[in-house]
Amino acid sequence: MYLINSLVIIPLFILAFLHVDNWVPGYDFSVEGLPDVTRFTLNIVFCMMCEDLGFHFTHRLLHWKVIYPYFHKLHHTYTTTVSIAAEYIHPVDFAFSVLVSGSIGAAILRGNMHFCTSLFWSLMRTFESVDGHSGYEFSWSPYRLLPLSGSATYHDFHHSHNVGNYSSFFSFWDTFFGTNSAYYEYQEKKQREELRIKTK
């Protein structure tokens, strides 16, 4: 699947992207246009917010029972997450949940985003997905520094229970739409059980 997505879907998406004049970001490629720290950070944060909202809705759509067996079920072959599971995804799923949602911020920013910022954003999003599917809570992970961030545990619940926790970077869209209540109920129940065992 990774080879199909990398060698077929991404090039097709880039070709389509380049032929839709109103959606082409028109990145700044100049050396003089390299962003300062403030602009770079604001661009990345904006892309994260846009991607997180877009991913939340496309991910929820892919869990719709009518289409779930055809596309997203492949990704849920892994009920216990491992990093490679991040890339084990149907090409249609990949096109919508990864490419489209990940391009929303850049499409809105258009010429206000440098090409180097876009490359960094793509790498950052890929590594976030690998980190979120790792099954480990790395104390050194930069993604844990984000306020209201999800975590490997947060996404692991999504894979093990196949419900809720649809967002990528943050947990607030899930909280806003009420799609992480099962996760927090599960965590409370687990803590009560651990406390009961300790007090025996």
N, C-alpha and C. Protein backbone atom coordinates (compact mmCIF):
# COMPACT_ATOMS: atom_id res chain seq x y z
N MET A 1 0.81 -1.20 0.00
CA MET A 1 0.00 0.00 0.00
C MET A 1 0.85 1.25 0.00
N TYR A 2 1.94 1.23 0.78
CA TYR A 2 2.80 2.41 0.84
C TYR A 2 3.38 2.73 -0.54
N LEU A 3 3.81 1.69 -1.28
CA LEU A 3 4.35 1.91 -2.62
C LEU A 3 3.30 2.45 -3.58
N ILE A 4 2.09 1.91 -3.50
CA ILE A 4 1.01 2.40 -4.36
C ILE A 4 0.74 3.87 -4.06
N ASN A 5 0.64 4.20 -2.76
CA ASN A 5 0.37 5.58 -2.37
C ASN A 5 1.50 6.51 -2.80
N SER A 6 2.74 6.06 -2.63
CA SER A 6 3.89 6.90 -2.95
C SER A 6 4.13 7.04 -4.45
N LEU A 7 3.99 5.95 -5.19
CA LEU A 7 4.34 5.96 -6.60
C LEU A 7 3.18 6.28 -7.54
N VAL A 8 1.95 6.13 -7.07
CA VAL A 8 0.80 6.37 -7.94
C VAL A 8 -0.06 7.54 -7.45
N ILE A 9 -0.55 7.45 -6.23
CA ILE A 9 -1.50 8.44 -5.74
C ILE A 9 -0.88 9.82 -5.58
N ILE A 10 0.31 9.91 -4.97
CA ILE A 10 0.94 11.22 -4.77
C ILE A 10 1.23 11.91 -6.10
N PRO A 11 1.85 11.22 -7.08
CA PRO A 11 2.07 11.90 -8.37
C PRO A 11 0.76 12.33 -9.06
N LEU A 12 -0.28 11.50 -8.99
CA LEU A 12 -1.57 11.89 -9.58
C LEU A 12 -2.15 13.11 -8.88
N PHE A 13 -2.03 13.13 -7.56
CA PHE A 13 -2.52 14.26 -6.78
C PHE A 13 -1.76 15.54 -7.15
N ILE A 14 -0.45 15.43 -7.30
CA ILE A 14 0.37 16.60 -7.66
C ILE A 14 -0.02 17.10 -9.05
N LEU A 15 -0.23 16.20 -10.00
CA LEU A 15 -0.65 16.61 -11.34
C LEU A 15 -2.00 17.32 -11.30
N ALA A 16 -2.94 16.77 -10.56
CA ALA A 16 -4.26 17.40 -10.43
C ALA A 16 -4.11 18.75 -9.75
N PHE A 17 -3.30 18.80 -8.72
CA PHE A 17 -3.06 20.01 -7.93
C PHE A 17 -2.50 21.13 -8.82
N LEU A 18 -1.58 20.78 -9.73
CA LEU A 18 -0.95 21.77 -10.60
C LEU A 18 -1.87 22.28 -11.70
N HIS A 19 -2.93 21.52 -12.02
CA HIS A 19 -3.83 21.91 -13.10
C HIS A 19 -5.10 22.60 -12.62
N VAL A 20 -5.24 22.78 -11.33
CA VAL A 20 -6.40 23.50 -10.81
C VAL A 20 -5.89 24.87 -10.37
N ASP A 21 -5.98 25.85 -11.27
CA ASP A 21 -5.38 27.17 -11.04
C ASP A 21 -5.84 27.84 -9.75
N ASN A 22 -7.09 27.70 -9.40
CA ASN A 22 -7.60 28.37 -8.21
C ASN A 22 -7.14 27.72 -6.91
N TRP A 23 -6.58 26.52 -7.00
CA TRP A 23 -6.21 25.81 -5.78
C TRP A 23 -4.71 25.67 -5.60
N VAL A 24 -3.94 26.08 -6.63
CA VAL A 24 -2.49 25.99 -6.55
C VAL A 24 -1.98 27.00 -5.53
N PRO A 25 -1.20 26.56 -4.54
CA PRO A 25 -0.74 27.49 -3.53
C PRO A 25 0.14 28.61 -4.07
N GLY A 26 0.90 28.39 -5.13
CA GLY A 26 1.79 29.41 -5.64
C GLY A 26 2.86 29.75 -4.62
N TYR A 27 3.54 28.70 -4.15
CA TYR A 27 4.56 28.88 -3.13
C TYR A 27 5.63 29.88 -3.54
N ASP A 28 6.19 30.52 -2.55
CA ASP A 28 7.34 31.38 -2.75
C ASP A 28 8.57 30.47 -2.74
N PHE A 29 9.36 30.50 -3.81
CA PHE A 29 10.56 29.67 -3.91
C PHE A 29 11.84 30.48 -3.71
N SER A 30 11.71 31.78 -3.52
CA SER A 30 12.90 32.64 -3.47
C SER A 30 13.65 32.51 -2.15
N VAL A 31 14.95 32.73 -2.22
CA VAL A 31 15.78 32.72 -1.01
C VAL A 31 15.41 33.91 -0.13
N GLU A 32 15.14 35.05 -0.77
CA GLU A 32 14.76 36.26 -0.03
C GLU A 32 13.45 36.07 0.72
N GLY A 33 12.59 35.20 0.20
CA GLY A 33 11.27 34.98 0.80
C GLY A 33 11.25 33.98 1.94
N LEU A 34 12.41 33.41 2.28
CA LEU A 34 12.46 32.47 3.41
C LEU A 34 11.87 33.12 4.64
N PRO A 35 10.97 32.45 5.32
CA PRO A 35 10.25 33.10 6.43
C PRO A 35 11.11 33.25 7.68
N ASP A 36 10.78 34.28 8.47
CA ASP A 36 11.41 34.41 9.78
C ASP A 36 10.69 33.43 10.72
N VAL A 37 11.15 33.33 11.94
CA VAL A 37 10.61 32.34 12.89
C VAL A 37 9.12 32.56 13.14
N THR A 38 8.69 33.80 13.26
CA THR A 38 7.28 34.11 13.54
C THR A 38 6.38 33.66 12.40
N ARG A 39 6.74 34.05 11.17
CA ARG A 39 5.91 33.68 10.01
C ARG A 39 5.91 32.16 9.81
N PHE A 40 7.06 31.54 9.95
CA PHE A 40 7.18 30.09 9.81
C PHE A 40 6.27 29.39 10.82
N THR A 41 6.34 29.82 12.08
CA THR A 41 5.53 29.21 13.14
C THR A 41 4.04 29.40 12.90
N LEU A 42 3.65 30.62 12.52
CA LEU A 42 2.23 30.89 12.25
C LEU A 42 1.72 30.05 11.08
N ASN A 43 2.53 29.91 10.03
CA ASN A 43 2.15 29.06 8.88
C ASN A 43 1.93 27.62 9.32
N ILE A 44 2.86 27.09 10.11
CA ILE A 44 2.77 25.69 10.55
C ILE A 44 1.56 25.49 11.46
N VAL A 45 1.34 26.40 12.40
CA VAL A 45 0.18 26.30 13.31
C VAL A 45 -1.12 26.37 12.53
N PHE A 46 -1.18 27.27 11.53
CA PHE A 46 -2.37 27.39 10.70
C PHE A 46 -2.63 26.08 9.94
N CYS A 47 -1.58 25.51 9.36
CA CYS A 47 -1.72 24.24 8.64
C CYS A 47 -2.17 23.12 9.58
N MET A 48 -1.63 23.11 10.80
CA MET A 48 -2.03 22.10 11.78
C MET A 48 -3.51 22.20 12.10
N MET A 49 -4.00 23.43 12.32
CA MET A 49 -5.41 23.63 12.66
C MET A 49 -6.32 23.21 11.50
N CYS A 50 -5.95 23.62 10.29
CA CYS A 50 -6.76 23.26 9.12
C CYS A 50 -6.76 21.76 8.88
N GLU A 51 -5.57 21.15 8.96
CA GLU A 51 -5.45 19.71 8.74
C GLU A 51 -6.24 18.94 9.78
N ASP A 52 -6.15 19.38 11.04
CA ASP A 52 -6.81 18.67 12.13
C ASP A 52 -8.32 18.67 11.94
N LEU A 53 -8.88 19.81 11.56
CA LEU A 53 -10.33 19.87 11.32
C LEU A 53 -10.71 19.06 10.09
N GLY A 54 -9.95 19.21 8.99
CA GLY A 54 -10.23 18.44 7.78
C GLY A 54 -10.10 16.94 8.00
N PHE A 55 -9.04 16.54 8.73
CA PHE A 55 -8.83 15.13 9.01
C PHE A 55 -9.94 14.58 9.90
N HIS A 56 -10.37 15.37 10.87
CA HIS A 56 -11.46 14.93 11.76
C HIS A 56 -12.68 14.52 10.94
N PHE A 57 -13.08 15.39 10.00
CA PHE A 57 -14.30 15.11 9.22
C PHE A 57 -14.09 14.00 8.19
N THR A 58 -12.94 13.99 7.50
CA THR A 58 -12.73 12.91 6.53
C THR A 58 -12.58 11.57 7.24
N HIS A 59 -11.95 11.57 8.40
CA HIS A 59 -11.78 10.34 9.17
C HIS A 59 -13.13 9.81 9.65
N ARG A 60 -13.97 10.72 10.13
CA ARG A 60 -15.32 10.31 10.55
C ARG A 60 -16.12 9.77 9.37
N LEU A 61 -15.99 10.42 8.22
CA LEU A 61 -16.69 9.97 7.02
C LEU A 61 -16.24 8.56 6.63
N LEU A 62 -14.94 8.31 6.72
CA LEU A 62 -14.40 7.00 6.36
C LEU A 62 -14.82 5.90 7.35
N HIS A 63 -15.30 6.29 8.53
CA HIS A 63 -15.85 5.32 9.48
C HIS A 63 -17.34 5.09 9.29
N TRP A 64 -17.94 5.79 8.34
CA TRP A 64 -19.36 5.59 8.03
C TRP A 64 -19.54 4.16 7.55
N LYS A 65 -20.48 3.45 8.15
CA LYS A 65 -20.64 2.01 7.89
C LYS A 65 -20.84 1.66 6.43
N VAL A 66 -21.40 2.59 5.65
CA VAL A 66 -21.65 2.32 4.23
C VAL A 66 -20.35 2.17 3.44
N ILE A 67 -19.33 2.97 3.77
CA ILE A 67 -18.08 2.93 3.01
C ILE A 67 -16.90 2.35 3.79
N TYR A 68 -17.04 2.24 5.10
CA TYR A 68 -15.93 1.75 5.94
C TYR A 68 -15.30 0.45 5.45
N PRO A 69 -16.10 -0.58 5.11
CA PRO A 69 -15.48 -1.87 4.70
C PRO A 69 -14.63 -1.78 3.44
N TYR A 70 -14.87 -0.77 2.60
CA TYR A 70 -14.18 -0.69 1.32
C TYR A 70 -12.85 0.06 1.39
N PHE A 71 -12.72 0.98 2.33
CA PHE A 71 -11.51 1.81 2.36
C PHE A 71 -10.78 1.79 3.71
N HIS A 72 -11.41 2.31 4.74
CA HIS A 72 -10.70 2.53 6.00
C HIS A 72 -10.48 1.26 6.83
N LYS A 73 -11.25 0.23 6.55
CA LYS A 73 -11.11 -1.02 7.30
C LYS A 73 -9.70 -1.60 7.15
N LEU A 74 -9.09 -1.40 6.00
CA LEU A 74 -7.72 -1.88 5.77
C LEU A 74 -6.77 -1.31 6.82
N HIS A 75 -6.89 -0.02 7.10
CA HIS A 75 -6.03 0.62 8.09
C HIS A 75 -6.27 0.05 9.49
N HIS A 76 -7.50 -0.36 9.76
CA HIS A 76 -7.85 -0.90 11.07
C HIS A 76 -7.56 -2.41 11.19
N THR A 77 -6.84 -2.95 10.24
CA THR A 77 -6.33 -4.32 10.38
C THR A 77 -5.49 -4.40 11.64
N TYR A 78 -4.79 -3.29 11.93
CA TYR A 78 -3.98 -3.20 13.14
C TYR A 78 -4.86 -2.71 14.29
N THR A 79 -5.22 -3.62 15.18
CA THR A 79 -6.00 -3.23 16.36
C THR A 79 -5.09 -2.76 17.49
N THR A 80 -3.85 -3.18 17.46
CA THR A 80 -2.81 -2.65 18.34
C THR A 80 -1.84 -1.92 17.44
N THR A 81 -1.65 -0.64 17.70
CA THR A 81 -0.90 0.17 16.74
C THR A 81 0.61 -0.07 16.78
N VAL A 82 1.19 0.00 15.62
CA VAL A 82 2.64 0.01 15.41
C VAL A 82 2.89 1.10 14.37
N SER A 83 4.07 1.67 14.36
CA SER A 83 4.33 2.83 13.50
C SER A 83 4.01 2.60 12.03
N ILE A 84 4.31 1.43 11.52
CA ILE A 84 4.07 1.15 10.09
C ILE A 84 2.58 1.19 9.75
N ALA A 85 1.73 1.01 10.77
CA ALA A 85 0.28 1.07 10.55
C ALA A 85 -0.15 2.44 10.05
N ALA A 86 0.64 3.46 10.35
CA ALA A 86 0.32 4.82 9.89
C ALA A 86 0.27 4.87 8.36
N GLU A 87 1.09 4.07 7.71
CA GLU A 87 1.18 4.10 6.25
C GLU A 87 0.42 2.95 5.60
N TYR A 88 -0.16 2.07 6.39
CA TYR A 88 -0.93 0.95 5.85
C TYR A 88 -2.36 1.42 5.65
N ILE A 89 -2.61 1.97 4.48
CA ILE A 89 -3.86 2.68 4.23
C ILE A 89 -4.28 2.54 2.77
N HIS A 90 -5.56 2.42 2.53
CA HIS A 90 -6.09 2.29 1.17
C HIS A 90 -5.80 3.58 0.39
N PRO A 91 -5.48 3.49 -0.90
CA PRO A 91 -5.19 4.70 -1.69
C PRO A 91 -6.30 5.76 -1.66
N VAL A 92 -7.56 5.36 -1.67
CA VAL A 92 -8.66 6.34 -1.60
C VAL A 92 -8.67 7.02 -0.24
N ASP A 93 -8.48 6.24 0.80
CA ASP A 93 -8.36 6.76 2.17
C ASP A 93 -7.20 7.74 2.24
N PHE A 94 -6.06 7.35 1.68
CA PHE A 94 -4.86 8.18 1.67
C PHE A 94 -5.11 9.52 0.96
N ALA A 95 -5.76 9.45 -0.19
CA ALA A 95 -6.02 10.67 -0.97
C ALA A 95 -6.85 11.68 -0.19
N PHE A 96 -7.91 11.19 0.48
CA PHE A 96 -8.79 12.12 1.19
C PHE A 96 -8.28 12.51 2.57
N SER A 97 -7.95 11.52 3.39
CA SER A 97 -7.61 11.83 4.78
C SER A 97 -6.20 12.38 4.94
N VAL A 98 -5.30 12.06 4.03
CA VAL A 98 -3.91 12.53 4.15
C VAL A 98 -3.65 13.70 3.20
N LEU A 99 -3.81 13.47 1.90
CA LEU A 99 -3.44 14.49 0.93
C LEU A 99 -4.36 15.71 0.95
N VAL A 100 -5.66 15.48 0.88
CA VAL A 100 -6.59 16.61 0.83
C VAL A 100 -6.59 17.38 2.15
N SER A 101 -6.78 16.68 3.26
CA SER A 101 -6.82 17.40 4.55
C SER A 101 -5.49 18.07 4.87
N GLY A 102 -4.39 17.45 4.46
CA GLY A 102 -3.07 18.03 4.71
C GLY A 102 -2.74 19.22 3.82
N SER A 103 -3.51 19.42 2.74
CA SER A 103 -3.25 20.51 1.79
C SER A 103 -4.15 21.72 2.02
N ILE A 104 -5.12 21.62 2.90
CA ILE A 104 -6.08 22.71 3.09
C ILE A 104 -5.39 24.01 3.51
N GLY A 105 -4.52 23.92 4.52
CA GLY A 105 -3.84 25.12 5.01
C GLY A 105 -3.02 25.81 3.94
N ALA A 106 -2.24 25.02 3.19
CA ALA A 106 -1.41 25.58 2.12
C ALA A 106 -2.25 26.19 1.01
N ALA A 107 -3.39 25.57 0.71
CA ALA A 107 -4.28 26.10 -0.33
C ALA A 107 -4.87 27.44 0.08
N ILE A 108 -5.15 27.61 1.36
CA ILE A 108 -5.69 28.89 1.86
C ILE A 108 -4.59 29.95 1.90
N LEU A 109 -3.42 29.57 2.37
CA LEU A 109 -2.31 30.53 2.49
C LEU A 109 -1.77 30.95 1.13
N ARG A 110 -1.82 30.05 0.17
CA ARG A 110 -1.34 30.29 -1.19
C ARG A 110 0.06 30.89 -1.20
N GLY A 111 0.26 32.05 -1.76
CA GLY A 111 1.59 32.64 -1.90
C GLY A 111 2.20 33.14 -0.60
N ASN A 112 1.46 33.06 0.49
CA ASN A 112 1.98 33.51 1.78
C ASN A 112 2.76 32.41 2.51
N MET A 113 3.01 31.32 1.80
CA MET A 113 3.74 30.21 2.40
C MET A 113 4.93 29.87 1.53
N HIS A 114 6.09 29.77 2.13
CA HIS A 114 7.31 29.42 1.39
C HIS A 114 7.33 27.91 1.14
N PHE A 115 7.95 27.52 0.05
CA PHE A 115 8.03 26.10 -0.30
C PHE A 115 8.73 25.29 0.79
N CYS A 116 9.78 25.86 1.41
CA CYS A 116 10.49 25.16 2.49
C CYS A 116 9.58 24.91 3.69
N THR A 117 8.69 25.86 3.97
CA THR A 117 7.72 25.68 5.05
C THR A 117 6.78 24.53 4.73
N SER A 118 6.37 24.46 3.45
CA SER A 118 5.49 23.37 3.01
C SER A 118 6.16 22.01 3.16
N LEU A 119 7.45 21.93 2.80
CA LEU A 119 8.18 20.67 2.96
C LEU A 119 8.28 20.27 4.43
N PHE A 120 8.58 21.26 5.28
CA PHE A 120 8.67 20.98 6.71
C PHE A 120 7.32 20.51 7.24
N TRP A 121 6.24 21.16 6.78
CA TRP A 121 4.89 20.78 7.22
C TRP A 121 4.58 19.33 6.82
N SER A 122 4.94 18.94 5.60
CA SER A 122 4.68 17.56 5.14
C SER A 122 5.42 16.55 6.00
N LEU A 123 6.68 16.84 6.30
CA LEU A 123 7.47 15.94 7.17
C LEU A 123 6.89 15.88 8.58
N MET A 124 6.52 17.04 9.09
CA MET A 124 5.96 17.12 10.44
C MET A 124 4.68 16.29 10.55
N ARG A 125 3.82 16.40 9.54
CA ARG A 125 2.55 15.65 9.55
C ARG A 125 2.81 14.15 9.46
N THR A 126 3.75 13.74 8.64
CA THR A 126 4.07 12.32 8.50
C THR A 126 4.61 11.76 9.80
N PHE A 127 5.55 12.48 10.42
CA PHE A 127 6.13 12.00 11.68
C PHE A 127 5.11 12.00 12.82
N GLU A 128 4.14 12.93 12.78
CA GLU A 128 3.08 12.93 13.79
C GLU A 128 2.25 11.66 13.68
N SER A 129 1.97 11.26 12.45
CA SER A 129 1.18 10.05 12.22
C SER A 129 1.94 8.80 12.69
N VAL A 130 3.23 8.75 12.38
CA VAL A 130 4.07 7.63 12.80
C VAL A 130 4.15 7.59 14.33
N ASP A 131 4.34 8.76 14.96
CA ASP A 131 4.40 8.86 16.42
C ASP A 131 3.08 8.42 17.04
N GLY A 132 1.96 8.89 16.48
CA GLY A 132 0.64 8.56 17.01
C GLY A 132 0.29 7.09 16.88
N HIS A 133 0.90 6.40 15.91
CA HIS A 133 0.64 4.97 15.72
C HIS A 133 1.69 4.08 16.38
N SER A 134 2.66 4.69 17.04
CA SER A 134 3.79 3.91 17.57
C SER A 134 3.41 2.98 18.72
N GLY A 135 2.35 3.34 19.45
CA GLY A 135 1.98 2.54 20.62
C GLY A 135 2.77 2.91 21.86
N TYR A 136 3.64 3.91 21.75
CA TYR A 136 4.47 4.36 22.88
C TYR A 136 4.24 5.83 23.16
N GLU A 137 4.32 6.18 24.43
CA GLU A 137 4.27 7.59 24.84
C GLU A 137 5.70 8.05 25.06
N PHE A 138 6.34 8.52 24.02
CA PHE A 138 7.72 8.99 24.13
C PHE A 138 7.76 10.31 24.87
N SER A 139 8.50 10.38 25.97
CA SER A 139 8.56 11.60 26.77
C SER A 139 9.23 12.74 26.00
N TRP A 140 10.07 12.39 25.02
CA TRP A 140 10.79 13.39 24.25
C TRP A 140 10.05 13.83 22.99
N SER A 141 8.87 13.28 22.75
CA SER A 141 8.15 13.61 21.53
C SER A 141 7.73 15.09 21.52
N PRO A 142 8.09 15.83 20.48
CA PRO A 142 7.69 17.25 20.42
C PRO A 142 6.18 17.42 20.32
N TYR A 143 5.48 16.39 19.86
CA TYR A 143 4.03 16.49 19.72
C TYR A 143 3.31 16.51 21.07
N ARG A 144 3.97 15.99 22.11
CA ARG A 144 3.37 16.02 23.44
C ARG A 144 3.46 17.41 24.07
N LEU A 145 4.25 18.30 23.47
CA LEU A 145 4.38 19.67 23.97
C LEU A 145 3.21 20.54 23.54
N LEU A 146 2.47 20.08 22.54
CA LEU A 146 1.34 20.86 22.04
C LEU A 146 0.20 20.85 23.06
N PRO A 147 -0.40 22.01 23.32
CA PRO A 147 -1.55 22.02 24.23
C PRO A 147 -2.72 21.27 23.60
N LEU A 148 -3.43 20.51 24.42
CA LEU A 148 -4.59 19.72 23.98
C LEU A 148 -4.25 18.72 22.88
N SER A 149 -3.00 18.24 22.88
CA SER A 149 -2.60 17.29 21.85
C SER A 149 -3.19 15.91 22.14
N GLY A 150 -3.34 15.15 21.07
CA GLY A 150 -3.69 13.75 21.24
C GLY A 150 -2.41 13.03 21.68
N SER A 151 -2.41 11.75 21.67
CA SER A 151 -1.22 11.00 22.07
C SER A 151 -1.30 9.62 21.44
N ALA A 152 -0.26 8.83 21.64
CA ALA A 152 -0.28 7.45 21.14
C ALA A 152 -1.39 6.67 21.84
N THR A 153 -1.56 6.90 23.13
CA THR A 153 -2.63 6.23 23.89
C THR A 153 -4.00 6.63 23.36
N TYR A 154 -4.13 7.90 23.05
CA TYR A 154 -5.38 8.46 22.52
C TYR A 154 -5.76 7.78 21.21
N HIS A 155 -4.78 7.66 20.30
CA HIS A 155 -5.07 7.04 19.00
C HIS A 155 -5.12 5.52 19.10
N ASP A 156 -4.38 4.95 20.04
CA ASP A 156 -4.43 3.51 20.24
C ASP A 156 -5.83 3.06 20.64
N PHE A 157 -6.52 3.89 21.43
CA PHE A 157 -7.90 3.58 21.80
C PHE A 157 -8.78 3.53 20.55
N HIS A 158 -8.54 4.44 19.63
CA HIS A 158 -9.31 4.46 18.38
C HIS A 158 -9.15 3.15 17.62
N HIS A 159 -7.92 2.62 17.59
CA HIS A 159 -7.67 1.37 16.87
C HIS A 159 -8.20 0.15 17.63
N SER A 160 -8.03 0.14 18.94
CA SER A 160 -8.45 -1.04 19.72
C SER A 160 -9.96 -1.13 19.88
N HIS A 161 -10.65 0.03 19.91
CA HIS A 161 -12.10 0.04 20.10
C HIS A 161 -12.87 0.43 18.84
N ASN A 162 -12.13 0.94 17.84
CA ASN A 162 -12.72 1.34 16.55
C ASN A 162 -13.87 2.34 16.73
N VAL A 163 -13.65 3.30 17.62
CA VAL A 163 -14.67 4.32 17.87
C VAL A 163 -13.99 5.61 18.33
N GLY A 164 -14.56 6.75 17.94
CA GLY A 164 -14.12 8.05 18.42
C GLY A 164 -12.67 8.40 18.14
N ASN A 165 -12.22 9.51 18.78
CA ASN A 165 -10.84 10.00 18.67
C ASN A 165 -10.42 10.12 17.21
N TYR A 166 -11.14 10.92 16.44
CA TYR A 166 -10.92 11.02 15.00
C TYR A 166 -9.85 12.03 14.59
N SER A 167 -9.51 12.96 15.45
CA SER A 167 -8.58 14.02 15.07
C SER A 167 -7.13 13.54 15.05
N SER A 168 -6.24 14.39 14.53
CA SER A 168 -4.83 13.99 14.42
C SER A 168 -3.97 14.69 15.47
N PHE A 169 -3.77 15.99 15.35
CA PHE A 169 -2.86 16.70 16.25
C PHE A 169 -3.46 16.99 17.63
N PHE A 170 -4.71 17.41 17.64
CA PHE A 170 -5.32 17.89 18.88
C PHE A 170 -6.53 17.05 19.28
N SER A 171 -6.97 17.23 20.51
CA SER A 171 -8.15 16.51 20.98
C SER A 171 -9.38 17.41 21.06
N PHE A 172 -9.22 18.73 20.82
CA PHE A 172 -10.36 19.63 21.06
C PHE A 172 -11.50 19.48 20.06
N TRP A 173 -11.21 19.07 18.80
CA TRP A 173 -12.33 18.85 17.86
C TRP A 173 -13.16 17.66 18.31
N ASP A 174 -12.49 16.62 18.80
CA ASP A 174 -13.21 15.47 19.33
C ASP A 174 -14.05 15.87 20.55
N THR A 175 -13.49 16.71 21.39
CA THR A 175 -14.23 17.17 22.57
C THR A 175 -15.41 18.02 22.14
N PHE A 176 -15.19 18.92 21.19
CA PHE A 176 -16.25 19.82 20.70
C PHE A 176 -17.41 19.02 20.10
N PHE A 177 -17.08 18.00 19.31
CA PHE A 177 -18.12 17.20 18.65
C PHE A 177 -18.54 15.98 19.47
N GLY A 178 -17.95 15.80 20.64
CA GLY A 178 -18.34 14.70 21.54
C GLY A 178 -17.93 13.33 21.05
N THR A 179 -16.84 13.25 20.29
CA THR A 179 -16.44 11.96 19.74
C THR A 179 -15.31 11.30 20.54
N ASN A 180 -14.97 11.86 21.70
CA ASN A 180 -13.97 11.22 22.55
C ASN A 180 -14.50 10.86 23.93
N SER A 181 -15.81 10.93 24.11
CA SER A 181 -16.40 10.62 25.42
C SER A 181 -16.15 9.16 25.81
N ALA A 182 -16.21 8.24 24.85
CA ALA A 182 -15.97 6.82 25.16
C ALA A 182 -14.55 6.61 25.65
N TYR A 183 -13.60 7.36 25.10
CA TYR A 183 -12.20 7.26 25.52
C TYR A 183 -12.04 7.69 26.97
N TYR A 184 -12.62 8.83 27.33
CA TYR A 184 -12.47 9.33 28.70
C TYR A 184 -13.22 8.45 29.71
N GLU A 185 -14.34 7.88 29.31
CA GLU A 185 -15.05 6.94 30.18
C GLU A 185 -14.19 5.69 30.40
N TYR A 186 -13.55 5.24 29.34
CA TYR A 186 -12.66 4.07 29.42
C TYR A 186 -11.49 4.35 30.35
N GLN A 187 -10.88 5.53 30.23
CA GLN A 187 -9.75 5.90 31.07
C GLN A 187 -10.15 5.98 32.55
N GLU A 188 -11.34 6.55 32.83
CA GLU A 188 -11.82 6.64 34.21
C GLU A 188 -12.05 5.24 34.79
N LYS A 189 -12.67 4.38 34.00
CA LYS A 189 -12.93 3.02 34.45
C LYS A 189 -11.62 2.28 34.72
N LYS A 190 -10.63 2.48 33.85
CA LYS A 190 -9.32 1.85 33.99
C LYS A 190 -8.62 2.34 35.27
N GLN A 191 -8.69 3.64 35.54
CA GLN A 191 -8.08 4.21 36.74
C GLN A 191 -8.74 3.69 38.01
N ARG A 192 -10.08 3.59 37.98
CA ARG A 192 -10.80 3.05 39.14
C ARG A 192 -10.40 1.60 39.41
N GLU A 193 -10.23 0.83 38.33
CA GLU A 193 -9.84 -0.58 38.47
C GLU A 193 -8.42 -0.69 39.04
N GLU A 194 -7.51 0.16 38.55
CA GLU A 194 -6.13 0.15 39.05
C GLU A 194 -6.09 0.55 40.53
N LEU A 195 -6.91 1.52 40.91
CA LEU A 195 -6.97 1.97 42.29
C LEU A 195 -7.54 0.86 43.20
N ARG A 196 -8.55 0.16 42.69
CA ARG A 196 -9.15 -0.95 43.45
C ARG A 196 -8.13 -2.05 43.69
N ILE A 197 -7.32 -2.36 42.68
CA ILE A 197 -6.28 -3.41 42.80
C ILE A 197 -5.21 -2.98 43.81
N LYS A 198 -4.82 -1.70 43.79
CA LYS A 198 -3.79 -1.19 44.70
C LYS A 198 -4.24 -1.20 46.16
N THR A 199 -5.53 -0.94 46.37
CA THR A 199 -6.05 -0.84 47.74
C THR A 199 -6.45 -2.19 48.34
N LYS A 200 -6.30 -3.24 47.59
CA LYS A 200 -6.63 -4.58 48.09
C LYS A 200 -5.66 -5.01 49.16
